[in-house]
Amino acid sequence: MKKLVLAAALAGAASTAYAGNLAEPIVEAPVIVEEATGSSAGILLPLLLLVIVAAAVASD
């Protein structure tokens, strides 16, 4: 009788030890945020346009 109880306990413990499923895990892509370096990054294009316009006006 003891062997039957021990076998039942081991079978119960072995069956409940399984955790997880067979589905593939969902992996989300990391979010990459690119920031401009330097404090003058936002003013570079307007200054370049200003230089081009000033050169066009000066050449007339």
N, C-alpha and C. Protein backbone atom coordinates (compact mmCIF):
# COMPACT_ATOMS: atom_id res chain seq x y z
N MET A 1 0.82 -1.19 0.00
CA MET A 1 0.00 0.00 0.00
C MET A 1 0.87 1.26 0.00
N LYS A 2 1.98 1.23 0.73
CA LYS A 2 2.87 2.38 0.78
C LYS A 2 3.46 2.66 -0.59
N LYS A 3 3.79 1.61 -1.32
CA LYS A 3 4.37 1.79 -2.66
C LYS A 3 3.36 2.42 -3.61
N LEU A 4 2.11 2.08 -3.48
CA LEU A 4 1.06 2.64 -4.33
C LEU A 4 0.89 4.13 -4.04
N VAL A 5 0.91 4.51 -2.77
CA VAL A 5 0.77 5.92 -2.40
C VAL A 5 2.00 6.70 -2.87
N LEU A 6 3.18 6.10 -2.69
CA LEU A 6 4.40 6.76 -3.13
C LEU A 6 4.42 6.94 -4.64
N ALA A 7 4.00 5.92 -5.38
CA ALA A 7 3.95 6.01 -6.84
C ALA A 7 2.94 7.07 -7.29
N ALA A 8 1.81 7.15 -6.62
CA ALA A 8 0.80 8.16 -6.96
C ALA A 8 1.32 9.57 -6.67
N ALA A 9 2.04 9.72 -5.55
CA ALA A 9 2.59 11.03 -5.20
C ALA A 9 3.65 11.45 -6.20
N LEU A 10 4.53 10.54 -6.59
CA LEU A 10 5.56 10.86 -7.57
C LEU A 10 4.96 11.16 -8.94
N ALA A 11 3.94 10.41 -9.33
CA ALA A 11 3.28 10.66 -10.61
C ALA A 11 2.59 12.02 -10.61
N GLY A 12 1.97 12.36 -9.50
CA GLY A 12 1.31 13.65 -9.38
C GLY A 12 2.30 14.80 -9.41
N ALA A 13 3.43 14.61 -8.73
CA ALA A 13 4.45 15.66 -8.72
C ALA A 13 5.09 15.81 -10.08
N ALA A 14 5.27 14.73 -10.80
CA ALA A 14 5.89 14.80 -12.12
C ALA A 14 4.97 15.44 -13.14
N SER A 15 3.68 15.20 -13.03
CA SER A 15 2.75 15.76 -14.02
C SER A 15 2.53 17.25 -13.80
N THR A 16 2.63 17.73 -12.57
CA THR A 16 2.41 19.15 -12.33
C THR A 16 3.68 19.97 -12.50
N ALA A 17 4.81 19.31 -12.72
CA ALA A 17 6.06 20.03 -12.87
C ALA A 17 6.19 20.66 -14.25
N TYR A 18 5.36 20.25 -15.22
CA TYR A 18 5.43 20.80 -16.56
C TYR A 18 4.79 22.18 -16.59
N ALA A 19 5.53 23.14 -17.09
CA ALA A 19 5.00 24.50 -17.20
C ALA A 19 5.44 25.09 -18.53
N GLY A 20 4.56 25.78 -19.17
CA GLY A 20 4.87 26.40 -20.45
C GLY A 20 3.99 25.84 -21.56
N ASN A 21 4.17 26.35 -22.78
CA ASN A 21 3.43 25.80 -23.90
C ASN A 21 4.33 25.76 -25.12
N LEU A 22 3.80 25.25 -26.20
CA LEU A 22 4.60 25.03 -27.40
C LEU A 22 4.56 26.20 -28.37
N ALA A 23 3.84 27.25 -28.03
CA ALA A 23 3.75 28.41 -28.91
C ALA A 23 5.07 29.18 -28.89
N GLU A 24 5.38 29.78 -30.04
CA GLU A 24 6.61 30.57 -30.13
C GLU A 24 6.46 31.83 -29.27
N PRO A 25 7.51 32.24 -28.59
CA PRO A 25 7.41 33.47 -27.79
C PRO A 25 7.33 34.69 -28.69
N ILE A 26 6.59 35.69 -28.24
CA ILE A 26 6.43 36.93 -28.99
C ILE A 26 7.53 37.89 -28.54
N VAL A 27 8.38 38.25 -29.48
CA VAL A 27 9.49 39.15 -29.17
C VAL A 27 9.24 40.46 -29.89
N GLU A 28 9.14 41.53 -29.12
CA GLU A 28 8.91 42.84 -29.73
C GLU A 28 10.24 43.50 -30.05
N ALA A 29 10.27 44.22 -31.14
CA ALA A 29 11.50 44.92 -31.54
C ALA A 29 11.77 46.07 -30.57
N PRO A 30 13.00 46.29 -30.23
CA PRO A 30 13.30 47.40 -29.32
C PRO A 30 13.08 48.75 -30.01
N VAL A 31 12.66 49.72 -29.25
CA VAL A 31 12.42 51.06 -29.77
C VAL A 31 13.75 51.82 -29.73
N ILE A 32 14.16 52.30 -30.89
CA ILE A 32 15.42 53.03 -31.00
C ILE A 32 15.10 54.49 -31.27
N VAL A 33 15.53 55.35 -30.37
CA VAL A 33 15.28 56.78 -30.52
C VAL A 33 16.61 57.44 -30.84
N GLU A 34 16.65 58.08 -32.01
CA GLU A 34 17.87 58.78 -32.40
C GLU A 34 17.69 60.26 -32.11
N GLU A 35 18.63 60.80 -31.39
CA GLU A 35 18.57 62.21 -31.06
C GLU A 35 19.75 62.92 -31.73
N ALA A 36 19.51 64.14 -32.13
CA ALA A 36 20.58 64.92 -32.74
C ALA A 36 21.59 65.30 -31.67
N THR A 37 22.84 65.23 -32.04
CA THR A 37 23.87 65.59 -31.07
C THR A 37 24.24 67.05 -31.22
N GLY A 38 24.50 67.69 -30.15
CA GLY A 38 24.88 69.10 -30.18
C GLY A 38 23.68 70.00 -30.02
N SER A 39 23.91 71.22 -29.61
CA SER A 39 22.81 72.15 -29.38
C SER A 39 22.39 72.87 -30.66
N SER A 40 23.23 72.86 -31.69
CA SER A 40 22.91 73.60 -32.90
C SER A 40 22.37 72.71 -34.01
N ALA A 41 21.92 71.51 -33.67
CA ALA A 41 21.46 70.58 -34.70
C ALA A 41 20.18 71.07 -35.38
N GLY A 42 19.30 71.76 -34.65
CA GLY A 42 18.04 72.23 -35.22
C GLY A 42 18.16 73.52 -35.99
N ILE A 43 19.26 74.20 -35.91
CA ILE A 43 19.40 75.50 -36.57
C ILE A 43 20.30 75.42 -37.80
N LEU A 44 20.87 74.26 -38.05
CA LEU A 44 21.82 74.12 -39.15
C LEU A 44 21.16 74.34 -40.51
N LEU A 45 20.02 73.74 -40.76
CA LEU A 45 19.35 73.89 -42.06
C LEU A 45 18.89 75.32 -42.32
N PRO A 46 18.25 76.00 -41.37
CA PRO A 46 17.88 77.40 -41.64
C PRO A 46 19.09 78.30 -41.90
N LEU A 47 20.19 78.07 -41.19
CA LEU A 47 21.38 78.87 -41.45
C LEU A 47 21.94 78.61 -42.85
N LEU A 48 21.90 77.36 -43.27
CA LEU A 48 22.38 77.02 -44.62
C LEU A 48 21.50 77.68 -45.68
N LEU A 49 20.20 77.68 -45.48
CA LEU A 49 19.30 78.34 -46.44
C LEU A 49 19.54 79.86 -46.45
N LEU A 50 19.80 80.42 -45.28
CA LEU A 50 20.08 81.85 -45.21
C LEU A 50 21.35 82.20 -45.96
N VAL A 51 22.37 81.39 -45.86
CA VAL A 51 23.62 81.63 -46.58
C VAL A 51 23.39 81.52 -48.08
N ILE A 52 22.60 80.56 -48.52
CA ILE A 52 22.33 80.39 -49.96
C ILE A 52 21.56 81.60 -50.49
N VAL A 53 20.54 82.06 -49.75
CA VAL A 53 19.77 83.23 -50.18
C VAL A 53 20.64 84.47 -50.18
N ALA A 54 21.47 84.63 -49.19
CA ALA A 54 22.37 85.80 -49.13
C ALA A 54 23.35 85.78 -50.28
N ALA A 55 23.85 84.61 -50.66
CA ALA A 55 24.78 84.51 -51.80
C ALA A 55 24.06 84.81 -53.10
N ALA A 56 22.79 84.41 -53.22
CA ALA A 56 22.04 84.68 -54.45
C ALA A 56 21.73 86.17 -54.57
N VAL A 57 21.42 86.82 -53.45
CA VAL A 57 21.13 88.26 -53.48
C VAL A 57 22.40 89.05 -53.76
N ALA A 58 23.51 88.64 -53.21
CA ALA A 58 24.77 89.36 -53.38
C ALA A 58 25.31 89.23 -54.81
N SER A 59 24.96 88.19 -55.51
CA SER A 59 25.47 87.99 -56.86
C SER A 59 24.72 88.82 -57.89
N ASP A 60 23.58 89.42 -57.53
CA ASP A 60 22.82 90.24 -58.48
C ASP A 60 23.44 91.56 -58.71
